[in-house]
C-alpha atoms as a PDB file:
ATOM      1  CA  UNK A   1      -3.427   0.863  15.863  1.00  0.00           C
ATOM      2  CA  UNK A   2      -1.058  -1.878  15.557  1.00  0.00           C
ATOM      3  CA  UNK A   3      -3.878  -4.991  16.011  1.00  0.00           C
ATOM      4  CA  UNK A   4      -5.961  -2.883  13.402  1.00  0.00           C
ATOM      5  CA  UNK A   5      -2.975  -2.817  10.643  1.00  0.00           C
ATOM      6  CA  UNK A   6      -2.250  -6.597  11.793  1.00  0.00           C
ATOM      7  CA  UNK A   7      -5.528  -7.619  11.082  1.00  0.00           C
ATOM      8  CA  UNK A   8      -5.314  -5.783   7.797  1.00  0.00           C
ATOM      9  CA  UNK A   9      -2.994  -7.107   6.780  1.00  0.00           C
ATOM     10  CA  UNK A  10      -3.996 -10.762   7.495  1.00  0.00           C
ATOM     11  CA  UNK A  11      -6.550 -10.374   6.091  1.00  0.00           C
ATOM     12  CA  UNK A  12      -5.360  -8.395   2.567  1.00  0.00           C
ATOM     13  CA  UNK A  13      -2.492 -11.006   2.280  1.00  0.00           C
ATOM     14  CA  UNK A  14      -0.912  -9.724  -1.437  1.00  0.00           C
ATOM     15  CA  UNK A  15      -4.011  -8.113  -2.631  1.00  0.00           C
ATOM     16  CA  UNK A  16      -4.961  -4.705  -3.361  1.00  0.00           C
ATOM     17  CA  UNK A  17      -6.421  -2.151  -1.638  1.00  0.00           C
ATOM     18  CA  UNK A  18      -7.207   0.925  -4.649  1.00  0.00           C
ATOM     19  CA  UNK A  19      -8.128   4.798  -3.425  1.00  0.00           C
ATOM     20  CA  UNK A  20      -9.968   7.721  -4.761  1.00  0.00           C
ATOM     21  CA  UNK A  21     -10.931  10.971  -4.283  1.00  0.00           C
ATOM     22  CA  UNK A  22     -11.111  14.463  -5.470  1.00  0.00           C
ATOM     23  CA  UNK A  23      -7.957  15.932  -6.906  1.00  0.00           C
ATOM     24  CA  UNK A  24      -6.280  16.771  -3.454  1.00  0.00           C
ATOM     25  CA  UNK A  25      -8.430  15.208  -1.278  1.00  0.00           C
ATOM     26  CA  UNK A  26      -4.866  13.240  -0.435  1.00  0.00           C
ATOM     27  CA  UNK A  27      -4.725  10.207  -1.964  1.00  0.00           C
ATOM     28  CA  UNK A  28      -1.198   9.944  -2.736  1.00  0.00           C
ATOM     29  CA  UNK A  29       0.048  11.176   0.762  1.00  0.00           C
ATOM     30  CA  UNK A  30      -2.318   8.739   2.555  1.00  0.00           C
ATOM     31  CA  UNK A  31      -1.748   5.796   0.094  1.00  0.00           C
ATOM     32  CA  UNK A  32       1.952   5.559   0.657  1.00  0.00           C
ATOM     33  CA  UNK A  33       1.429   5.937   4.398  1.00  0.00           C
ATOM     34  CA  UNK A  34      -0.823   2.802   4.587  1.00  0.00           C
ATOM     35  CA  UNK A  35       2.061   1.065   2.340  1.00  0.00           C
ATOM     36  CA  UNK A  36       4.475   1.931   4.841  1.00  0.00           C
ATOM     37  CA  UNK A  37       2.469   0.325   7.880  1.00  0.00           C
ATOM     38  CA  UNK A  38       1.281  -2.566   5.874  1.00  0.00           C
ATOM     39  CA  UNK A  39       4.857  -3.598   4.913  1.00  0.00           C
ATOM     40  CA  UNK A  40       3.049  -3.158   0.997  1.00  0.00           C
ATOM     41  CA  UNK A  41       3.727  -1.340  -2.244  1.00  0.00           C
ATOM     42  CA  UNK A  42       2.452   1.944  -3.581  1.00  0.00           C
ATOM     43  CA  UNK A  43       1.217   2.068  -7.114  1.00  0.00           C
ATOM     44  CA  UNK A  44       0.500   5.127  -8.502  1.00  0.00           C
ATOM     45  CA  UNK A  45      -0.827   5.263 -12.459  1.00  0.00           C
ATOM     46  CA  UNK A  46       0.108   8.591 -13.118  1.00  0.00           C
ATOM     47  CA  UNK A  47       3.911   8.105 -12.220  1.00  0.00           C
ATOM     48  CA  UNK A  48       4.148   4.780 -14.299  1.00  0.00           C
ATOM     49  CA  UNK A  49       2.775   6.753 -17.279  1.00  0.00           C
ATOM     50  CA  UNK A  50       4.670   9.866 -16.667  1.00  0.00           C
ATOM     51  CA  UNK A  51       7.959   7.604 -16.383  1.00  0.00           C
ATOM     52  CA  UNK A  52       6.764   6.241 -19.169  1.00  0.00           C
ATOM     53  CA  UNK A  53       6.333   9.215 -21.261  1.00  0.00           C
ATOM     54  CA  UNK A  54      10.063  10.262 -20.521  1.00  0.00           C
ATOM     55  CA  UNK A  55      11.364   6.333 -21.555  1.00  0.00           C
ATOM     56  CA  UNK A  56       9.477   7.173 -25.016  1.00  0.00           C
ATOM     57  CA  UNK A  57       9.242  10.539 -25.531  1.00  0.00           C
ATOM     58  CA  UNK A  58       5.772  10.503 -25.773  1.00  0.00           C
ATOM     59  CA  UNK A  59       3.576  13.487 -24.077  1.00  0.00           C
ATOM     60  CA  UNK A  60      -0.458  12.151 -23.384  1.00  0.00           C
ATOM     61  CA  UNK A  61      -0.391  13.795 -19.954  1.00  0.00           C
ATOM     62  CA  UNK A  62       0.645  17.348 -21.062  1.00  0.00           C
ATOM     63  CA  UNK A  63      -2.019  20.453 -19.968  1.00  0.00           C
ATOM     64  CA  UNK A  64      -3.734  18.020 -17.741  1.00  0.00           C
ATOM     65  CA  UNK A  65      -4.774  15.659 -19.493  1.00  0.00           C
ATOM     66  CA  UNK A  66      -5.124  11.833 -18.247  1.00  0.00           C
ATOM     67  CA  UNK A  67      -3.471   8.880 -20.565  1.00  0.00           C
ATOM     68  CA  UNK A  68      -6.138   7.880 -23.347  1.00  0.00           C
ATOM     69  CA  UNK A  69      -7.281   4.283 -22.087  1.00  0.00           C
ATOM     70  CA  UNK A  70      -5.623   2.064 -24.497  1.00  0.00           C
ATOM     71  CA  UNK A  71      -2.411   3.651 -23.458  1.00  0.00           C
ATOM     72  CA  UNK A  72      -3.662   3.213 -19.717  1.00  0.00           C
ATOM     73  CA  UNK A  73      -3.864  -0.624 -20.409  1.00  0.00           C
ATOM     74  CA  UNK A  74      -0.662  -1.287 -22.117  1.00  0.00           C
ATOM     75  CA  UNK A  75       1.389   0.469 -19.786  1.00  0.00           C
ATOM     76  CA  UNK A  76      -0.133   0.584 -16.134  1.00  0.00           C
ATOM     77  CA  UNK A  77      -1.825  -2.795 -16.394  1.00  0.00           C
ATOM     78  CA  UNK A  78       1.558  -5.329 -17.088  1.00  0.00           C
ATOM     79  CA  UNK A  79       2.646  -3.525 -13.860  1.00  0.00           C
ATOM     80  CA  UNK A  80       0.455  -5.834 -11.927  1.00  0.00           C
ATOM     81  CA  UNK A  81       2.372  -8.608 -12.858  1.00  0.00           C
ATOM     82  CA  UNK A  82       5.865  -7.406 -12.085  1.00  0.00           C
ATOM     83  CA  UNK A  83       7.851 -10.447 -10.430  1.00  0.00           C
ATOM     84  CA  UNK A  84       8.975  -7.867  -7.590  1.00  0.00           C
ATOM     85  CA  UNK A  85       5.484  -7.192  -6.907  1.00  0.00           C
ATOM     86  CA  UNK A  86       4.694 -10.626  -6.518  1.00  0.00           C
ATOM     87  CA  UNK A  87       5.018 -11.590  -2.597  1.00  0.00           C
ATOM     88  CA  UNK A  88       4.022  -7.944  -2.234  1.00  0.00           C
ATOM     89  CA  UNK A  89       0.233  -6.450  -1.021  1.00  0.00           C
ATOM     90  CA  UNK A  90      -0.629  -2.882  -3.327  1.00  0.00           C
ATOM     91  CA  UNK A  91      -1.632   0.391  -2.644  1.00  0.00           C
ATOM     92  CA  UNK A  92      -2.920   2.184  -5.445  1.00  0.00           C
ATOM     93  CA  UNK A  93      -3.675   5.238  -6.649  1.00  0.00           C
ATOM     94  CA  UNK A  94      -6.816   5.730  -8.401  1.00  0.00           C
ATOM     95  CA  UNK A  95      -6.228   2.914 -10.635  1.00  0.00           C
ATOM     96  CA  UNK A  96      -8.095   2.667 -13.320  1.00  0.00           C
ATOM     97  CA  UNK A  97     -10.181   6.108 -12.762  1.00  0.00           C
ATOM     98  CA  UNK A  98     -12.133   6.820 -15.976  1.00  0.00           C
ATOM     99  CA  UNK A  99     -15.718   4.401 -15.910  1.00  0.00           C
ATOM    100  CA  UNK A 100     -15.137   1.289 -17.734  1.00  0.00           C
ATOM    101  CA  UNK A 101     -11.537   0.552 -17.195  1.00  0.00           C
ATOM    102  CA  UNK A 102     -12.046  -0.775 -13.850  1.00  0.00           C
ATOM    103  CA  UNK A 103     -13.022  -4.213 -14.847  1.00  0.00           C
ATOM    104  CA  UNK A 104      -9.673  -3.998 -16.978  1.00  0.00           C
ATOM    105  CA  UNK A 105      -7.953  -3.408 -13.883  1.00  0.00           C
ATOM    106  CA  UNK A 106      -9.629  -5.929 -11.126  1.00  0.00           C
ATOM    107  CA  UNK A 107      -8.968  -8.831 -13.823  1.00  0.00           C
ATOM    108  CA  UNK A 108      -5.258  -7.912 -14.422  1.00  0.00           C
ATOM    109  CA  UNK A 109      -5.017  -7.121 -10.421  1.00  0.00           C
ATOM    110  CA  UNK A 110      -6.615 -10.547  -9.615  1.00  0.00           C
ATOM    111  CA  UNK A 111      -4.650 -12.819 -12.928  1.00  0.00           C
ATOM    112  CA  UNK A 112      -1.372 -11.552 -11.068  1.00  0.00           C
ATOM    113  CA  UNK A 113      -2.620 -12.217  -7.677  1.00  0.00           C
ATOM    114  CA  UNK A 114      -3.086  -8.772  -6.179  1.00  0.00           C
ATOM    115  CA  UNK A 115      -7.206  -9.517  -6.134  1.00  0.00           C
ATOM    116  CA  UNK A 116      -8.720  -5.888  -5.528  1.00  0.00           C
ATOM    117  CA  UNK A 117     -10.170  -6.457  -1.765  1.00  0.00           C
ATOM    118  CA  UNK A 118     -11.241  -3.193  -1.025  1.00  0.00           C
ATOM    119  CA  UNK A 119     -11.931   0.429  -2.904  1.00  0.00           C
ATOM    120  CA  UNK A 120     -11.645   3.231  -0.915  1.00  0.00           C
ATOM    121  CA  UNK A 121     -13.390   6.763  -0.989  1.00  0.00           C
ATOM    122  CA  UNK A 122     -11.771  10.083   0.273  1.00  0.00           C
ATOM    123  CA  UNK A 123     -14.479  11.821   1.383  1.00  0.00           C
ATOM    124  CA  UNK A 124     -13.688  15.701   0.951  1.00  0.00           C
ATOM    125  CA  UNK A 125     -15.954  18.501  -0.569  1.00  0.00           C
ATOM    126  CA  UNK A 126     -15.213  20.122  -3.628  1.00  0.00           C
ATOM    127  CA  UNK A 127     -14.607  23.475  -1.365  1.00  0.00           C
ATOM    128  CA  UNK A 128     -12.698  22.247   0.364  1.00  0.00           C
ATOM    129  CA  UNK A 129     -10.153  20.745  -2.279  1.00  0.00           C
ATOM    130  CA  UNK A 130     -10.378  24.091  -4.168  1.00  0.00           C
ATOM    131  CA  UNK A 131      -8.916  25.584  -1.293  1.00  0.00           C
ATOM    132  CA  UNK A 132      -6.012  23.581  -0.645  1.00  0.00           C
ATOM    133  CA  UNK A 133      -5.050  24.334  -4.116  1.00  0.00           C
ATOM    134  CA  UNK A 134      -5.461  26.877  -3.298  1.00  0.00           C
ATOM    135  CA  UNK A 135      -3.078  27.657  -1.115  1.00  0.00           C
ATOM    136  CA  UNK A 136      -0.316  25.524  -2.762  1.00  0.00           C
ATOM    137  CA  UNK A 137      -0.508  28.030  -5.952  1.00  0.00           C
ATOM    138  CA  UNK A 138      -0.247  30.881  -3.112  1.00  0.00           C
ATOM    139  CA  UNK A 139       2.864  28.504  -1.745  1.00  0.00           C
ATOM    140  CA  UNK A 140       4.358  28.368  -5.486  1.00  0.00           C
ATOM    141  CA  UNK A 141       4.010  31.582  -5.638  1.00  0.00           C
ATOM    142  CA  UNK A 142       6.325  32.528  -2.495  1.00  0.00           C
ATOM    143  CA  UNK A 143       8.662  30.020  -3.068  1.00  0.00           C
ATOM    144  CA  UNK A 144       9.618  31.437  -6.618  1.00  0.00           C
ATOM    145  CA  UNK A 145       9.658  35.130  -5.511  1.00  0.00           C
ATOM    146  CA  UNK A 146       7.656  36.757  -7.756  1.00  0.00           C
ATOM    147  CA  UNK A 147       4.021  36.691  -8.428  1.00  0.00           C
ATOM    148  CA  UNK A 148       1.833  34.118 -10.861  1.00  0.00           C
ATOM    149  CA  UNK A 149       1.137  35.480 -14.093  1.00  0.00           C
ATOM    150  CA  UNK A 150      -2.878  36.183 -14.650  1.00  0.00           C
ATOM    151  CA  UNK A 151      -2.089  33.534 -17.672  1.00  0.00           C
ATOM    152  CA  UNK A 152      -0.247  31.165 -15.350  1.00  0.00           C
ATOM    153  CA  UNK A 153      -2.425  31.173 -12.724  1.00  0.00           C
ATOM    154  CA  UNK A 154      -5.579  30.442 -15.021  1.00  0.00           C
ATOM    155  CA  UNK A 155      -3.983  27.660 -16.526  1.00  0.00           C
ATOM    156  CA  UNK A 156      -3.608  26.093 -13.366  1.00  0.00           C
ATOM    157  CA  UNK A 157      -6.585  26.626 -12.250  1.00  0.00           C
ATOM    158  CA  UNK A 158      -8.238  25.870 -15.728  1.00  0.00           C
ATOM    159  CA  UNK A 159      -6.083  21.779 -15.219  1.00  0.00           C
ATOM    160  CA  UNK A 160      -7.555  21.679 -11.611  1.00  0.00           C
ATOM    161  CA  UNK A 161     -10.517  22.277 -12.609  1.00  0.00           C
ATOM    162  CA  UNK A 162     -10.885  19.781 -15.371  1.00  0.00           C
ATOM    163  CA  UNK A 163      -9.749  17.213 -13.088  1.00  0.00           C
ATOM    164  CA  UNK A 164     -12.504  18.094 -10.944  1.00  0.00           C
ATOM    165  CA  UNK A 165     -14.930  17.288 -13.693  1.00  0.00           C
ATOM    166  CA  UNK A 166     -13.380  14.077 -14.876  1.00  0.00           C
ATOM    167  CA  UNK A 167     -14.003  13.085 -11.307  1.00  0.00           C
ATOM    168  CA  UNK A 168     -17.640  13.500 -11.182  1.00  0.00           C
ATOM    169  CA  UNK A 169     -18.208  12.724 -14.543  1.00  0.00           C
ATOM    170  CA  UNK A 170     -15.561   9.338 -14.828  1.00  0.00           C
ATOM    171  CA  UNK A 171     -14.859   8.390 -11.847  1.00  0.00           C
ATOM    172  CA  UNK A 172     -18.201   8.771 -10.325  1.00  0.00           C
ATOM    173  CA  UNK A 173     -19.353   5.718 -11.492  1.00  0.00           C
ATOM    174  CA  UNK A 174     -16.297   3.295 -11.091  1.00  0.00           C
ATOM    175  CA  UNK A 175     -16.502   4.284  -7.341  1.00  0.00           C
ATOM    176  CA  UNK A 176     -20.427   3.506  -7.634  1.00  0.00           C
ATOM    177  CA  UNK A 177     -19.415  -0.232  -9.441  1.00  0.00           C
ATOM    178  CA  UNK A 178     -16.806  -1.063  -6.267  1.00  0.00           C
ATOM    179  CA  UNK A 179     -19.670   0.208  -4.118  1.00  0.00           C
ATOM    180  CA  UNK A 180     -22.045  -2.368  -5.991  1.00  0.00           C
ATOM    181  CA  UNK A 181     -19.714  -4.872  -5.442  1.00  0.00           C
ATOM    182  CA  UNK A 182     -19.730  -4.476  -1.724  1.00  0.00           C
ATOM    183  CA  UNK A 183     -15.964  -3.347  -1.858  1.00  0.00           C
ATOM    184  CA  UNK A 184     -16.683   0.129  -0.557  1.00  0.00           C
ATOM    185  CA  UNK A 185     -14.865   2.160   2.057  1.00  0.00           C
ATOM    186  CA  UNK A 186     -15.682   5.445   2.718  1.00  0.00           C
ATOM    187  CA  UNK A 187     -13.717   7.891   4.518  1.00  0.00           C
ATOM    188  CA  UNK A 188     -13.325  10.951   5.997  1.00  0.00           C
ATOM    189  CA  UNK A 189     -10.837  13.497   4.378  1.00  0.00           C
ATOM    190  CA  UNK A 190     -11.890  16.467   5.969  1.00  0.00           C
ATOM    191  CA  UNK A 191      -9.565  16.729   8.940  1.00  0.00           C
ATOM    192  CA  UNK A 192      -5.289  16.799   9.494  1.00  0.00           C
ATOM    193  CA  UNK A 193      -3.653  13.992   8.341  1.00  0.00           C
ATOM    194  CA  UNK A 194      -3.360  12.506  11.205  1.00  0.00           C
ATOM    195  CA  UNK A 195      -6.913  11.747  11.728  1.00  0.00           C
ATOM    196  CA  UNK A 196      -7.476  10.777   8.356  1.00  0.00           C
ATOM    197  CA  UNK A 197      -4.764   8.549   8.128  1.00  0.00           C
ATOM    198  CA  UNK A 198      -6.457   7.226  12.022  1.00  0.00           C
ATOM    199  CA  UNK A 199     -10.509   7.074  10.205  1.00  0.00           C
ATOM    200  CA  UNK A 200      -8.586   5.052   7.414  1.00  0.00           C
ATOM    201  CA  UNK A 201      -7.292   2.162   9.204  1.00  0.00           C
ATOM    202  CA  UNK A 202     -10.158   1.777  11.519  1.00  0.00           C
ATOM    203  CA  UNK A 203     -12.579   2.064   8.472  1.00  0.00           C
ATOM    204  CA  UNK A 204     -10.254  -0.421   7.162  1.00  0.00           C
ATOM    205  CA  UNK A 205     -10.220  -2.588  10.315  1.00  0.00           C
ATOM    206  CA  UNK A 206     -14.026  -2.189  10.318  1.00  0.00           C
ATOM    207  CA  UNK A 207     -13.897  -3.580   6.849  1.00  0.00           C
ATOM    208  CA  UNK A 208     -11.542  -6.586   7.020  1.00  0.00           C
ATOM    209  CA  UNK A 209     -12.838  -8.074  10.144  1.00  0.00           C
ATOM    210  CA  UNK A 210     -16.888  -8.437   8.331  1.00  0.00           C
ATOM    211  CA  UNK A 211     -15.304  -9.881   5.271  1.00  0.00           C
ATOM    212  CA  UNK A 212     -13.552 -12.059   7.268  1.00  0.00           C
ATOM    213  CA  UNK A 213     -16.436 -13.560   8.932  1.00  0.00           C
END
């Protein structure tokens, strides 16, 4: 795997890899691990927006909503040009997940020297992510030492179902756009974490070799 990572690192340079997938598909988990393996920086629009919400005392994402596109542009896109990121490759977690945002993301990344060189889709079924979500809910209820009330339970599931609908309606077109640009790398994500990471590295290695020819 070290040889594969070295090849990916050389091909990527200070470019970006944007990772997409259904909620609970493991985007942040695998993205952070990939960033560490490549000596890259991990960047999640959700993390940036939540930090800015606290700083500005604005709350666009309460109730599971995603930030409006204008706020996404204002808060997230400028991060590509941060001086502390200038010499690093970037591993992105669904940055520009709504249809129409992808072109702005690609332009901001390119202008800052972090051209998006690949978009990864973590392939996992809705049934699998539903099961993962149920497991998280059950674990949370056990850790709290009390049963989750029906109302709280419904609200949490409602948010999760909303995220799945948004992925199908707004993110799938983004993924298809990257596919049309020959930038899409598809990875099986219905395995354990180590197996998913190994598959990701293998697929990125094959992609990097093909693109380097």
